[in-house]
Amino acid sequence: MKRLALVATVLVLAACEKKDAPADNAAAATPAMAPAAAAIDTAAKKMDSLASKVDTAMKKVDSAAKGAMDAGKKAMDAGKSAMDAGKAAAASVKKP
């Protein structure tokens, strides 16, 4: 309990000392926040730029995948056509 009372006393004294401080210290603290806000804005812009790059990359991947699927379908259709032509040729050959 004595430690808790000591901590509370220190906190009260610290709070009182801050009230007695001149207003110049408060004004000096405000500009220090501005660079932090600028850093946050810069980080947000970088994140937006990165998100845009990721979206562009995903569109390219989707486009490439679609192209590969289309090529696969064309190859499959060509194979079916060749198979049908082979069946037709085999049917036209007379059996001995």
N, C-alpha and C. Protein backbone atom coordinates (compact mmCIF):
# COMPACT_ATOMS: atom_id res chain seq x y z
N MET A 1 0.82 -1.19 0.00
CA MET A 1 0.00 0.00 0.00
C MET A 1 0.87 1.26 0.00
N LYS A 2 1.99 1.18 0.70
CA LYS A 2 2.87 2.35 0.77
C LYS A 2 3.42 2.69 -0.61
N ARG A 3 3.72 1.65 -1.39
CA ARG A 3 4.25 1.88 -2.74
C ARG A 3 3.19 2.52 -3.63
N LEU A 4 1.95 2.04 -3.49
CA LEU A 4 0.86 2.60 -4.27
C LEU A 4 0.65 4.08 -3.93
N ALA A 5 0.71 4.41 -2.65
CA ALA A 5 0.57 5.81 -2.23
C ALA A 5 1.72 6.65 -2.76
N LEU A 6 2.92 6.08 -2.76
CA LEU A 6 4.09 6.81 -3.27
C LEU A 6 3.94 7.08 -4.78
N VAL A 7 3.51 6.07 -5.52
CA VAL A 7 3.31 6.23 -6.96
C VAL A 7 2.24 7.27 -7.23
N ALA A 8 1.14 7.23 -6.49
CA ALA A 8 0.07 8.21 -6.68
C ALA A 8 0.57 9.62 -6.38
N THR A 9 1.38 9.77 -5.34
CA THR A 9 1.93 11.08 -4.99
C THR A 9 2.83 11.60 -6.10
N VAL A 10 3.66 10.73 -6.63
CA VAL A 10 4.57 11.13 -7.72
C VAL A 10 3.77 11.56 -8.94
N LEU A 11 2.72 10.84 -9.25
CA LEU A 11 1.89 11.20 -10.39
C LEU A 11 1.19 12.54 -10.19
N VAL A 12 0.70 12.79 -8.99
CA VAL A 12 0.05 14.07 -8.70
C VAL A 12 1.04 15.20 -8.81
N LEU A 13 2.22 15.01 -8.27
CA LEU A 13 3.25 16.06 -8.35
C LEU A 13 3.66 16.32 -9.81
N ALA A 14 3.79 15.25 -10.56
CA ALA A 14 4.17 15.40 -11.97
C ALA A 14 3.08 16.16 -12.73
N ALA A 15 1.83 15.88 -12.43
CA ALA A 15 0.73 16.58 -13.10
C ALA A 15 0.72 18.05 -12.72
N CYS A 16 1.00 18.36 -11.48
CA CYS A 16 1.03 19.76 -11.05
C CYS A 16 2.18 20.51 -11.69
N GLU A 17 3.31 19.87 -11.83
CA GLU A 17 4.46 20.53 -12.45
C GLU A 17 4.19 20.84 -13.91
N LYS A 18 3.47 20.00 -14.59
CA LYS A 18 3.17 20.25 -16.00
C LYS A 18 2.26 21.45 -16.15
N LYS A 19 1.34 21.67 -15.22
CA LYS A 19 0.45 22.81 -15.29
C LYS A 19 1.20 24.12 -15.10
N ASP A 20 2.26 24.10 -14.30
CA ASP A 20 3.03 25.30 -14.03
C ASP A 20 3.96 25.66 -15.19
N ALA A 21 4.16 24.76 -16.13
CA ALA A 21 5.08 25.01 -17.23
C ALA A 21 4.54 26.12 -18.13
N PRO A 22 5.41 26.94 -18.69
CA PRO A 22 4.95 28.03 -19.56
C PRO A 22 4.30 27.49 -20.83
N ALA A 23 3.51 28.33 -21.49
CA ALA A 23 2.79 27.94 -22.69
C ALA A 23 3.74 27.72 -23.87
N ASP A 24 4.97 28.21 -23.77
CA ASP A 24 5.94 28.03 -24.86
C ASP A 24 6.24 26.56 -25.10
N ASN A 25 6.26 25.76 -24.06
CA ASN A 25 6.53 24.33 -24.22
C ASN A 25 5.42 23.65 -25.01
N ALA A 26 4.19 24.06 -24.78
CA ALA A 26 3.07 23.48 -25.51
C ALA A 26 3.15 23.84 -26.99
N ALA A 27 3.54 25.07 -27.28
CA ALA A 27 3.67 25.50 -28.68
C ALA A 27 4.83 24.78 -29.36
N ALA A 28 5.86 24.49 -28.61
CA ALA A 28 7.01 23.79 -29.18
C ALA A 28 6.68 22.34 -29.48
N ALA A 29 5.75 21.76 -28.74
CA ALA A 29 5.39 20.36 -28.97
C ALA A 29 4.54 20.20 -30.23
N THR A 30 3.80 21.19 -30.61
CA THR A 30 2.91 21.09 -31.77
C THR A 30 3.66 20.88 -33.08
N PRO A 31 4.73 21.61 -33.37
CA PRO A 31 5.43 21.36 -34.64
C PRO A 31 6.05 19.98 -34.71
N ALA A 32 6.37 19.39 -33.58
CA ALA A 32 6.95 18.05 -33.60
C ALA A 32 5.94 17.04 -34.13
N MET A 33 4.66 17.31 -33.97
CA MET A 33 3.64 16.40 -34.47
C MET A 33 3.48 16.52 -35.98
N ALA A 34 3.76 17.67 -36.53
CA ALA A 34 3.58 17.87 -37.96
C ALA A 34 4.45 16.91 -38.79
N PRO A 35 5.74 16.73 -38.48
CA PRO A 35 6.50 15.77 -39.26
C PRO A 35 5.97 14.35 -39.13
N ALA A 36 5.44 14.02 -37.96
CA ALA A 36 4.87 12.68 -37.80
C ALA A 36 3.66 12.51 -38.70
N ALA A 37 2.83 13.55 -38.79
CA ALA A 37 1.66 13.49 -39.66
C ALA A 37 2.09 13.40 -41.12
N ALA A 38 3.15 14.13 -41.47
CA ALA A 38 3.66 14.07 -42.84
C ALA A 38 4.19 12.68 -43.15
N ALA A 39 4.85 12.08 -42.17
CA ALA A 39 5.37 10.72 -42.37
C ALA A 39 4.22 9.73 -42.55
N ILE A 40 3.15 9.93 -41.80
CA ILE A 40 1.98 9.05 -41.95
C ILE A 40 1.36 9.24 -43.32
N ASP A 41 1.26 10.50 -43.78
CA ASP A 41 0.71 10.76 -45.11
C ASP A 41 1.57 10.13 -46.19
N THR A 42 2.88 10.24 -46.03
CA THR A 42 3.79 9.65 -47.01
C THR A 42 3.65 8.12 -47.02
N ALA A 43 3.54 7.54 -45.84
CA ALA A 43 3.37 6.09 -45.76
C ALA A 43 2.05 5.66 -46.39
N ALA A 44 1.00 6.44 -46.18
CA ALA A 44 -0.30 6.13 -46.78
C ALA A 44 -0.22 6.21 -48.30
N LYS A 45 0.48 7.21 -48.81
CA LYS A 45 0.63 7.34 -50.26
C LYS A 45 1.41 6.17 -50.83
N LYS A 46 2.45 5.75 -50.10
CA LYS A 46 3.24 4.61 -50.56
C LYS A 46 2.39 3.34 -50.57
N MET A 47 1.55 3.19 -49.54
CA MET A 47 0.68 2.01 -49.49
C MET A 47 -0.32 2.03 -50.63
N ASP A 48 -0.87 3.21 -50.95
CA ASP A 48 -1.80 3.32 -52.07
C ASP A 48 -1.11 2.98 -53.38
N SER A 49 0.12 3.47 -53.53
CA SER A 49 0.89 3.19 -54.74
C SER A 49 1.17 1.69 -54.85
N LEU A 50 1.53 1.08 -53.74
CA LEU A 50 1.81 -0.35 -53.74
C LEU A 50 0.54 -1.14 -54.05
N ALA A 51 -0.59 -0.72 -53.49
CA ALA A 51 -1.85 -1.40 -53.77
C ALA A 51 -2.19 -1.29 -55.25
N SER A 52 -1.92 -0.14 -55.85
CA SER A 52 -2.17 0.04 -57.28
C SER A 52 -1.28 -0.88 -58.11
N LYS A 53 -0.02 -1.01 -57.70
CA LYS A 53 0.90 -1.90 -58.41
C LYS A 53 0.46 -3.35 -58.28
N VAL A 54 -0.02 -3.72 -57.12
CA VAL A 54 -0.50 -5.10 -56.91
C VAL A 54 -1.72 -5.35 -57.78
N ASP A 55 -2.64 -4.37 -57.86
CA ASP A 55 -3.82 -4.52 -58.71
C ASP A 55 -3.41 -4.69 -60.17
N THR A 56 -2.46 -3.90 -60.61
CA THR A 56 -1.98 -4.00 -61.99
C THR A 56 -1.36 -5.37 -62.25
N ALA A 57 -0.56 -5.84 -61.30
CA ALA A 57 0.07 -7.16 -61.45
C ALA A 57 -0.98 -8.26 -61.50
N MET A 58 -2.01 -8.15 -60.66
CA MET A 58 -3.07 -9.16 -60.65
C MET A 58 -3.83 -9.17 -61.97
N LYS A 59 -4.05 -7.99 -62.54
CA LYS A 59 -4.73 -7.92 -63.84
C LYS A 59 -3.89 -8.59 -64.91
N LYS A 60 -2.56 -8.39 -64.85
CA LYS A 60 -1.68 -9.03 -65.82
C LYS A 60 -1.71 -10.54 -65.67
N VAL A 61 -1.70 -11.01 -64.43
CA VAL A 61 -1.75 -12.46 -64.18
C VAL A 61 -3.06 -13.03 -64.68
N ASP A 62 -4.17 -12.33 -64.40
CA ASP A 62 -5.47 -12.80 -64.87
C ASP A 62 -5.52 -12.84 -66.38
N SER A 63 -4.96 -11.81 -67.03
CA SER A 63 -4.94 -11.76 -68.48
C SER A 63 -4.11 -12.90 -69.06
N ALA A 64 -2.96 -13.16 -68.45
CA ALA A 64 -2.10 -14.26 -68.92
C ALA A 64 -2.80 -15.60 -68.73
N ALA A 65 -3.48 -15.77 -67.61
CA ALA A 65 -4.18 -17.03 -67.36
C ALA A 65 -5.31 -17.22 -68.36
N LYS A 66 -6.02 -16.13 -68.67
CA LYS A 66 -7.11 -16.23 -69.65
C LYS A 66 -6.55 -16.59 -71.02
N GLY A 67 -5.42 -15.97 -71.38
CA GLY A 67 -4.79 -16.28 -72.66
C GLY A 67 -4.37 -17.74 -72.73
N ALA A 68 -3.83 -18.26 -71.64
CA ALA A 68 -3.41 -19.66 -71.61
C ALA A 68 -4.62 -20.59 -71.72
N MET A 69 -5.72 -20.22 -71.06
CA MET A 69 -6.93 -21.04 -71.14
C MET A 69 -7.48 -21.03 -72.56
N ASP A 70 -7.46 -19.86 -73.19
CA ASP A 70 -7.95 -19.77 -74.57
C ASP A 70 -7.09 -20.61 -75.51
N ALA A 71 -5.77 -20.57 -75.32
CA ALA A 71 -4.87 -21.36 -76.16
C ALA A 71 -5.12 -22.85 -75.93
N GLY A 72 -5.36 -23.23 -74.68
CA GLY A 72 -5.64 -24.63 -74.38
C GLY A 72 -6.94 -25.09 -75.03
N LYS A 73 -7.95 -24.24 -75.02
CA LYS A 73 -9.23 -24.59 -75.65
C LYS A 73 -9.06 -24.74 -77.15
N LYS A 74 -8.27 -23.84 -77.76
CA LYS A 74 -8.03 -23.93 -79.20
C LYS A 74 -7.31 -25.23 -79.55
N ALA A 75 -6.32 -25.59 -78.73
CA ALA A 75 -5.57 -26.82 -78.98
C ALA A 75 -6.49 -28.03 -78.82
N MET A 76 -7.37 -27.98 -77.84
CA MET A 76 -8.28 -29.10 -77.63
C MET A 76 -9.26 -29.21 -78.79
N ASP A 77 -9.74 -28.07 -79.27
CA ASP A 77 -10.64 -28.10 -80.42
C ASP A 77 -9.93 -28.63 -81.66
N ALA A 78 -8.68 -28.23 -81.84
CA ALA A 78 -7.91 -28.73 -82.99
C ALA A 78 -7.71 -30.23 -82.87
N GLY A 79 -7.47 -30.73 -81.67
CA GLY A 79 -7.30 -32.17 -81.46
C GLY A 79 -8.58 -32.93 -81.75
N LYS A 80 -9.70 -32.37 -81.33
CA LYS A 80 -10.98 -33.02 -81.61
C LYS A 80 -11.24 -33.07 -83.11
N SER A 81 -10.92 -31.96 -83.80
CA SER A 81 -11.11 -31.92 -85.25
C SER A 81 -10.25 -32.97 -85.94
N ALA A 82 -9.01 -33.09 -85.48
CA ALA A 82 -8.11 -34.08 -86.08
C ALA A 82 -8.62 -35.49 -85.79
N MET A 83 -9.16 -35.70 -84.60
CA MET A 83 -9.68 -37.02 -84.26
C MET A 83 -10.90 -37.36 -85.11
N ASP A 84 -11.76 -36.37 -85.29
CA ASP A 84 -12.93 -36.59 -86.13
C ASP A 84 -12.52 -36.87 -87.57
N ALA A 85 -11.50 -36.16 -88.06
CA ALA A 85 -11.01 -36.39 -89.42
C ALA A 85 -10.41 -37.79 -89.53
N GLY A 86 -9.71 -38.24 -88.53
CA GLY A 86 -9.12 -39.58 -88.53
C GLY A 86 -10.20 -40.64 -88.52
N LYS A 87 -11.26 -40.44 -87.75
CA LYS A 87 -12.38 -41.40 -87.72
C LYS A 87 -13.06 -41.45 -89.07
N ALA A 88 -13.23 -40.28 -89.69
CA ALA A 88 -13.87 -40.24 -91.00
C ALA A 88 -13.01 -40.96 -92.04
N ALA A 89 -11.70 -40.77 -91.96
CA ALA A 89 -10.79 -41.43 -92.91
C ALA A 89 -10.81 -42.94 -92.68
N ALA A 90 -10.86 -43.36 -91.42
CA ALA A 90 -10.89 -44.79 -91.14
C ALA A 90 -12.18 -45.42 -91.59
N ALA A 91 -13.27 -44.68 -91.51
CA ALA A 91 -14.55 -45.21 -91.92
C ALA A 91 -14.65 -45.33 -93.45
N SER A 92 -13.91 -44.46 -94.13
CA SER A 92 -13.98 -44.50 -95.59
C SER A 92 -13.12 -45.62 -96.18
N VAL A 93 -12.21 -46.15 -95.40
CA VAL A 93 -11.35 -47.22 -95.91
C VAL A 93 -12.20 -48.51 -95.91
N LYS A 94 -12.17 -49.20 -97.05
CA LYS A 94 -12.94 -50.43 -97.17
C LYS A 94 -12.17 -51.56 -96.48
N LYS A 95 -12.94 -52.34 -95.77
CA LYS A 95 -12.32 -53.47 -95.09
C LYS A 95 -12.23 -54.65 -96.05
N PRO A 96 -11.14 -55.37 -96.01
CA PRO A 96 -10.99 -56.50 -96.94
C PRO A 96 -11.80 -57.72 -96.58
